[in-house]
Amino acid sequence: MTKYKETFRIESTRLKEWDYSNPWWYYVTINTKNHISYFCKVNNGKVDLIEIGNCAKKLWEEIPNHFQNIELDYFVIMPNHIHGMIIINHRDIVETRHGVSLQLLENKFSKPIKNSLSVIINQYKGSVKRWCNKNGYANFEWQSRYYDRIIRNEKELYNIRKYIEQNPLKWEIEKNDSENIYDLL
């Protein structure tokens, strides 16, 4: 851990050499703050969404409407987290005879890159939070970061899809883990 302004900070888990706006398949997990259950109950391996969970699902499904070249694959809304796969497809890059557009190079180093994974997740989390604030759930909060994995091959894709699909079935076993102890429902 390094220090910033005399306090320790958590280093990014992102691959430093990877451009997260690259066309690729990404697996993400987004947690609620303190792992508090806001989205649903899981009964007999079935997810029963409540109001915030329905909003989180609807806004997740709308991600491709707000970002060019984005598709979604498997996802699941759990009581205190979301697992999902985001596919970033080829993006249009303006090129000249002398190289890649200066606009693309400037964006890469000075501000978040349009359609990058971090921008997509940030916008999604912000949309859910704004909805919660407007609808009487002002206490709802996300964990500050998210987990991601660059899906490397077909076997990994298969295993992640299986994990997402089976996550509700495993909830009864795993819900008492220390990371899943807060339940407000």
C-alpha atoms as a PDB file:
ATOM      1  CA  MET A   1       0.000   0.000   0.000  1.00  0.00           C
ATOM      2  CA  THR A   2       1.150   3.499  -0.732  1.00  0.00           C
ATOM      3  CA  LYS A   3       0.309   6.690   1.098  1.00  0.00           C
ATOM      4  CA  TYR A   4      -1.601   9.629  -0.286  1.00  0.00           C
ATOM      5  CA  LYS A   5      -1.875  12.762   1.881  1.00  0.00           C
ATOM      6  CA  GLU A   6      -0.509  10.786   4.836  1.00  0.00           C
ATOM      7  CA  THR A   7      -3.158   8.064   4.668  1.00  0.00           C
ATOM      8  CA  PHE A   8      -2.916   4.629   3.135  1.00  0.00           C
ATOM      9  CA  ARG A   9      -4.766   4.004  -0.073  1.00  0.00           C
ATOM     10  CA  ILE A  10      -5.735   0.828  -1.847  1.00  0.00           C
ATOM     11  CA  GLU A  11      -3.911   0.310  -5.108  1.00  0.00           C
ATOM     12  CA  SER A  12      -5.956  -0.307  -8.217  1.00  0.00           C
ATOM     13  CA  THR A  13      -6.457  -3.927  -9.168  1.00  0.00           C
ATOM     14  CA  ARG A  14      -6.728  -2.960 -12.836  1.00  0.00           C
ATOM     15  CA  LEU A  15      -4.049  -4.186 -15.215  1.00  0.00           C
ATOM     16  CA  LYS A  16      -1.823  -1.179 -15.784  1.00  0.00           C
ATOM     17  CA  GLU A  17      -0.951  -2.180 -19.332  1.00  0.00           C
ATOM     18  CA  TRP A  18      -4.569  -2.841 -20.380  1.00  0.00           C
ATOM     19  CA  ASP A  19      -6.864  -0.302 -22.035  1.00  0.00           C
ATOM     20  CA  TYR A  20     -10.290  -1.000 -20.529  1.00  0.00           C
ATOM     21  CA  SER A  21     -12.009   0.511 -23.545  1.00  0.00           C
ATOM     22  CA  ASN A  22     -10.549  -2.305 -25.689  1.00  0.00           C
ATOM     23  CA  PRO A  23     -13.122  -4.445 -27.443  1.00  0.00           C
ATOM     24  CA  TRP A  24     -13.338  -7.441 -25.111  1.00  0.00           C
ATOM     25  CA  TRP A  25     -15.491  -9.426 -22.706  1.00  0.00           C
ATOM     26  CA  TYR A  26     -15.386  -8.301 -19.058  1.00  0.00           C
ATOM     27  CA  TYR A  27     -16.810  -9.878 -15.917  1.00  0.00           C
ATOM     28  CA  VAL A  28     -17.709  -7.476 -13.099  1.00  0.00           C
ATOM     29  CA  THR A  29     -18.998  -7.663  -9.551  1.00  0.00           C
ATOM     30  CA  ILE A  30     -20.439  -4.565  -7.915  1.00  0.00           C
ATOM     31  CA  ASN A  31     -21.159  -4.639  -4.170  1.00  0.00           C
ATOM     32  CA  THR A  32     -23.332  -2.535  -1.920  1.00  0.00           C
ATOM     33  CA  LYS A  33     -21.546  -0.668   0.845  1.00  0.00           C
ATOM     34  CA  ASN A  34     -20.977  -2.905   3.879  1.00  0.00           C
ATOM     35  CA  HIS A  35     -22.635  -5.740   1.934  1.00  0.00           C
ATOM     36  CA  ILE A  36     -26.089  -4.612   3.024  1.00  0.00           C
ATOM     37  CA  SER A  37     -28.905  -6.481   1.267  1.00  0.00           C
ATOM     38  CA  TYR A  38     -30.978  -3.963  -0.690  1.00  0.00           C
ATOM     39  CA  PHE A  39     -31.934  -5.748  -3.896  1.00  0.00           C
ATOM     40  CA  CYS A  40     -33.737  -9.002  -3.201  1.00  0.00           C
ATOM     41  CA  LYS A  41     -34.329 -12.090  -1.151  1.00  0.00           C
ATOM     42  CA  VAL A  42     -33.184 -15.484  -2.362  1.00  0.00           C
ATOM     43  CA  ASN A  43     -35.650 -18.277  -1.590  1.00  0.00           C
ATOM     44  CA  ASN A  44     -34.939 -21.863  -2.626  1.00  0.00           C
ATOM     45  CA  GLY A  45     -32.389 -20.688  -5.189  1.00  0.00           C
ATOM     46  CA  LYS A  46     -34.778 -18.167  -6.759  1.00  0.00           C
ATOM     47  CA  VAL A  47     -34.198 -14.415  -6.724  1.00  0.00           C
ATOM     48  CA  ASP A  48     -37.206 -12.365  -5.547  1.00  0.00           C
ATOM     49  CA  LEU A  49     -36.389  -8.751  -6.447  1.00  0.00           C
ATOM     50  CA  ILE A  50     -37.759  -5.885  -4.408  1.00  0.00           C
ATOM     51  CA  GLU A  51     -38.154  -2.300  -5.652  1.00  0.00           C
ATOM     52  CA  ILE A  52     -34.451  -1.332  -5.612  1.00  0.00           C
ATOM     53  CA  GLY A  53     -33.548  -4.682  -7.167  1.00  0.00           C
ATOM     54  CA  ASN A  54     -36.039  -4.135  -9.976  1.00  0.00           C
ATOM     55  CA  CYS A  55     -34.501  -0.716 -10.598  1.00  0.00           C
ATOM     56  CA  ALA A  56     -30.962  -2.164 -10.575  1.00  0.00           C
ATOM     57  CA  LYS A  57     -32.035  -4.849 -13.069  1.00  0.00           C
ATOM     58  CA  LYS A  58     -33.835  -2.396 -15.371  1.00  0.00           C
ATOM     59  CA  LEU A  59     -30.911   0.049 -15.396  1.00  0.00           C
ATOM     60  CA  TRP A  60     -28.415  -2.773 -16.008  1.00  0.00           C
ATOM     61  CA  GLU A  61     -30.446  -3.954 -18.994  1.00  0.00           C
ATOM     62  CA  GLU A  62     -30.488  -0.359 -20.321  1.00  0.00           C
ATOM     63  CA  ILE A  63     -26.676  -0.003 -20.369  1.00  0.00           C
ATOM     64  CA  PRO A  64     -26.467  -0.741 -24.136  1.00  0.00           C
ATOM     65  CA  ASN A  65     -28.984   2.077 -24.770  1.00  0.00           C
ATOM     66  CA  HIS A  66     -26.548   4.585 -23.276  1.00  0.00           C
ATOM     67  CA  PHE A  67     -23.220   3.316 -24.578  1.00  0.00           C
ATOM     68  CA  GLN A  68     -22.363   2.689 -28.193  1.00  0.00           C
ATOM     69  CA  ASN A  69     -20.866  -0.707 -28.995  1.00  0.00           C
ATOM     70  CA  ILE A  70     -21.812  -2.286 -25.651  1.00  0.00           C
ATOM     71  CA  GLU A  71     -23.605  -5.606 -25.202  1.00  0.00           C
ATOM     72  CA  LEU A  72     -24.525  -7.527 -22.085  1.00  0.00           C
ATOM     73  CA  ASP A  73     -24.243 -11.233 -21.441  1.00  0.00           C
ATOM     74  CA  TYR A  74     -25.223 -13.181 -18.316  1.00  0.00           C
ATOM     75  CA  PHE A  75     -25.930 -11.216 -15.140  1.00  0.00           C
ATOM     76  CA  VAL A  76     -27.627 -11.719 -11.810  1.00  0.00           C
ATOM     77  CA  ILE A  77     -28.883  -9.347  -9.152  1.00  0.00           C
ATOM     78  CA  MET A  78     -28.165 -10.776  -5.696  1.00  0.00           C
ATOM     79  CA  PRO A  79     -29.203  -9.334  -2.306  1.00  0.00           C
ATOM     80  CA  ASN A  80     -26.056  -7.234  -1.880  1.00  0.00           C
ATOM     81  CA  HIS A  81     -24.169  -7.450  -5.160  1.00  0.00           C
ATOM     82  CA  ILE A  82     -24.443  -7.761  -8.910  1.00  0.00           C
ATOM     83  CA  HIS A  83     -22.474 -10.085 -11.180  1.00  0.00           C
ATOM     84  CA  GLY A  84     -22.497  -9.394 -14.877  1.00  0.00           C
ATOM     85  CA  MET A  85     -20.616  -9.587 -18.141  1.00  0.00           C
ATOM     86  CA  ILE A  86     -20.137  -6.550 -20.337  1.00  0.00           C
ATOM     87  CA  ILE A  87     -18.982  -6.859 -23.923  1.00  0.00           C
ATOM     88  CA  ILE A  88     -17.225  -3.874 -25.409  1.00  0.00           C
ATOM     89  CA  ASN A  89     -17.326  -4.194 -29.186  1.00  0.00           C
ATOM     90  CA  HIS A  90     -15.147  -2.489 -31.761  1.00  0.00           C
ATOM     91  CA  ARG A  91     -15.272   1.282 -31.490  1.00  0.00           C
ATOM     92  CA  ASP A  92     -14.866   3.745 -34.320  1.00  0.00           C
ATOM     93  CA  ILE A  93     -11.472   5.429 -34.262  1.00  0.00           C
ATOM     94  CA  VAL A  94     -10.787   8.381 -36.500  1.00  0.00           C
ATOM     95  CA  GLU A  95      -7.447   7.821 -38.171  1.00  0.00           C
ATOM     96  CA  THR A  96      -5.407   9.972 -40.491  1.00  0.00           C
ATOM     97  CA  ARG A  97      -2.617   9.053 -42.853  1.00  0.00           C
ATOM     98  CA  HIS A  98      -0.195   9.889 -40.045  1.00  0.00           C
ATOM     99  CA  GLY A  99      -1.740   7.901 -37.219  1.00  0.00           C
ATOM    100  CA  VAL A 100      -4.511   7.618 -34.694  1.00  0.00           C
ATOM    101  CA  SER A 101      -6.673  10.657 -33.961  1.00  0.00           C
ATOM    102  CA  LEU A 102      -5.186  13.122 -31.486  1.00  0.00           C
ATOM    103  CA  GLN A 103      -8.555  13.226 -29.734  1.00  0.00           C
ATOM    104  CA  LEU A 104      -8.229   9.549 -28.827  1.00  0.00           C
ATOM    105  CA  LEU A 105      -4.687  10.050 -27.533  1.00  0.00           C
ATOM    106  CA  GLU A 106      -5.708  13.071 -25.453  1.00  0.00           C
ATOM    107  CA  ASN A 107      -8.639  11.210 -23.916  1.00  0.00           C
ATOM    108  CA  LYS A 108      -6.461   8.254 -23.031  1.00  0.00           C
ATOM    109  CA  PHE A 109      -4.196  10.341 -20.815  1.00  0.00           C
ATOM    110  CA  SER A 110      -6.278  13.220 -19.501  1.00  0.00           C
ATOM    111  CA  LYS A 111      -9.787  11.994 -18.685  1.00  0.00           C
ATOM    112  CA  PRO A 112     -11.874   8.828 -18.563  1.00  0.00           C
ATOM    113  CA  ILE A 113     -12.137   7.154 -21.933  1.00  0.00           C
ATOM    114  CA  LYS A 114     -15.596   7.072 -23.487  1.00  0.00           C
ATOM    115  CA  ASN A 115     -17.146   3.584 -23.346  1.00  0.00           C
ATOM    116  CA  SER A 116     -14.409   2.274 -21.034  1.00  0.00           C
ATOM    117  CA  LEU A 117     -15.426  -0.241 -18.396  1.00  0.00           C
ATOM    118  CA  SER A 118     -14.886   2.221 -15.532  1.00  0.00           C
ATOM    119  CA  VAL A 119     -17.102   4.851 -17.183  1.00  0.00           C
ATOM    120  CA  ILE A 120     -19.847   2.280 -17.801  1.00  0.00           C
ATOM    121  CA  ILE A 121     -19.790   1.050 -14.191  1.00  0.00           C
ATOM    122  CA  ASN A 122     -19.583   4.595 -12.804  1.00  0.00           C
ATOM    123  CA  GLN A 123     -22.594   5.695 -14.853  1.00  0.00           C
ATOM    124  CA  TYR A 124     -24.560   2.597 -13.868  1.00  0.00           C
ATOM    125  CA  LYS A 125     -23.836   3.018 -10.156  1.00  0.00           C
ATOM    126  CA  GLY A 126     -24.700   6.709 -10.360  1.00  0.00           C
ATOM    127  CA  SER A 127     -28.010   5.984 -12.097  1.00  0.00           C
ATOM    128  CA  VAL A 128     -29.059   3.490  -9.428  1.00  0.00           C
ATOM    129  CA  LYS A 129     -28.046   5.886  -6.635  1.00  0.00           C
ATOM    130  CA  ARG A 130     -29.960   8.799  -8.217  1.00  0.00           C
ATOM    131  CA  TRP A 131     -33.062   6.614  -8.544  1.00  0.00           C
ATOM    132  CA  CYS A 132     -32.710   5.565  -4.893  1.00  0.00           C
ATOM    133  CA  ASN A 133     -32.355   9.182  -3.748  1.00  0.00           C
ATOM    134  CA  LYS A 134     -35.523  10.181  -5.641  1.00  0.00           C
ATOM    135  CA  ASN A 135     -37.551   7.216  -4.387  1.00  0.00           C
ATOM    136  CA  GLY A 136     -37.009   7.238  -0.631  1.00  0.00           C
ATOM    137  CA  TYR A 137     -33.877   5.079  -0.405  1.00  0.00           C
ATOM    138  CA  ALA A 138     -31.335   7.819   0.323  1.00  0.00           C
ATOM    139  CA  ASN A 139     -29.447   5.454   2.664  1.00  0.00           C
ATOM    140  CA  PHE A 140     -28.519   3.179  -0.262  1.00  0.00           C
ATOM    141  CA  GLU A 141     -24.798   3.219  -1.049  1.00  0.00           C
ATOM    142  CA  TRP A 142     -22.422   1.320  -3.284  1.00  0.00           C
ATOM    143  CA  GLN A 143     -19.023   0.026  -2.266  1.00  0.00           C
ATOM    144  CA  SER A 144     -16.524   2.522  -3.696  1.00  0.00           C
ATOM    145  CA  ARG A 145     -14.887   0.153  -6.156  1.00  0.00           C
ATOM    146  CA  TYR A 146     -15.822  -2.890  -8.192  1.00  0.00           C
ATOM    147  CA  TYR A 147     -14.186  -6.168  -9.144  1.00  0.00           C
ATOM    148  CA  ASP A 148     -13.431  -6.913 -12.775  1.00  0.00           C
ATOM    149  CA  ARG A 149     -11.877  -9.708 -14.750  1.00  0.00           C
ATOM    150  CA  ILE A 150     -10.846  -9.725 -18.374  1.00  0.00           C
ATOM    151  CA  ILE A 151     -12.324 -12.948 -19.774  1.00  0.00           C
ATOM    152  CA  ARG A 152      -9.422 -14.705 -21.424  1.00  0.00           C
ATOM    153  CA  ASN A 153     -10.852 -17.755 -23.183  1.00  0.00           C
ATOM    154  CA  GLU A 154     -13.926 -19.900 -23.873  1.00  0.00           C
ATOM    155  CA  LYS A 155     -13.375 -22.118 -20.814  1.00  0.00           C
ATOM    156  CA  GLU A 156     -13.269 -19.095 -18.536  1.00  0.00           C
ATOM    157  CA  LEU A 157     -16.372 -17.660 -20.235  1.00  0.00           C
ATOM    158  CA  TYR A 158     -18.207 -20.935 -19.653  1.00  0.00           C
ATOM    159  CA  ASN A 159     -17.146 -21.078 -15.988  1.00  0.00           C
ATOM    160  CA  ILE A 160     -18.159 -17.470 -15.314  1.00  0.00           C
ATOM    161  CA  ARG A 161     -21.548 -17.990 -16.955  1.00  0.00           C
ATOM    162  CA  LYS A 162     -22.048 -21.100 -14.821  1.00  0.00           C
ATOM    163  CA  TYR A 163     -21.003 -19.195 -11.681  1.00  0.00           C
ATOM    164  CA  ILE A 164     -23.456 -16.354 -12.425  1.00  0.00           C
ATOM    165  CA  GLU A 165     -26.257 -18.786 -13.193  1.00  0.00           C
ATOM    166  CA  GLN A 166     -25.663 -20.821 -10.020  1.00  0.00           C
ATOM    167  CA  ASN A 167     -25.037 -17.889  -7.678  1.00  0.00           C
ATOM    168  CA  PRO A 168     -28.625 -17.814  -6.328  1.00  0.00           C
ATOM    169  CA  LEU A 169     -28.445 -21.554  -5.619  1.00  0.00           C
ATOM    170  CA  LYS A 170     -25.295 -21.034  -3.526  1.00  0.00           C
ATOM    171  CA  TRP A 171     -26.669 -18.055  -1.610  1.00  0.00           C
ATOM    172  CA  GLU A 172     -28.196 -20.106   1.199  1.00  0.00           C
ATOM    173  CA  ILE A 173     -24.801 -21.670   1.903  1.00  0.00           C
ATOM    174  CA  GLU A 174     -22.763 -18.465   1.542  1.00  0.00           C
ATOM    175  CA  LYS A 175     -25.094 -15.821   2.975  1.00  0.00           C
ATOM    176  CA  ASN A 176     -23.688 -16.190   6.489  1.00  0.00           C
ATOM    177  CA  ASP A 177     -20.119 -15.514   5.366  1.00  0.00           C
ATOM    178  CA  SER A 178     -18.719 -12.427   7.054  1.00  0.00           C
ATOM    179  CA  GLU A 179     -18.965 -10.496   3.776  1.00  0.00           C
ATOM    180  CA  ASN A 180     -22.697 -11.211   3.516  1.00  0.00           C
ATOM    181  CA  ILE A 181     -23.946 -10.630   7.072  1.00  0.00           C
ATOM    182  CA  TYR A 182     -25.964  -7.430   6.715  1.00  0.00           C
ATOM    183  CA  ASP A 183     -29.587  -7.943   5.799  1.00  0.00           C
ATOM    184  CA  LEU A 184     -32.077  -5.071   5.997  1.00  0.00           C
ATOM    185  CA  LEU A 185     -35.000  -6.839   4.320  1.00  0.00           C
END
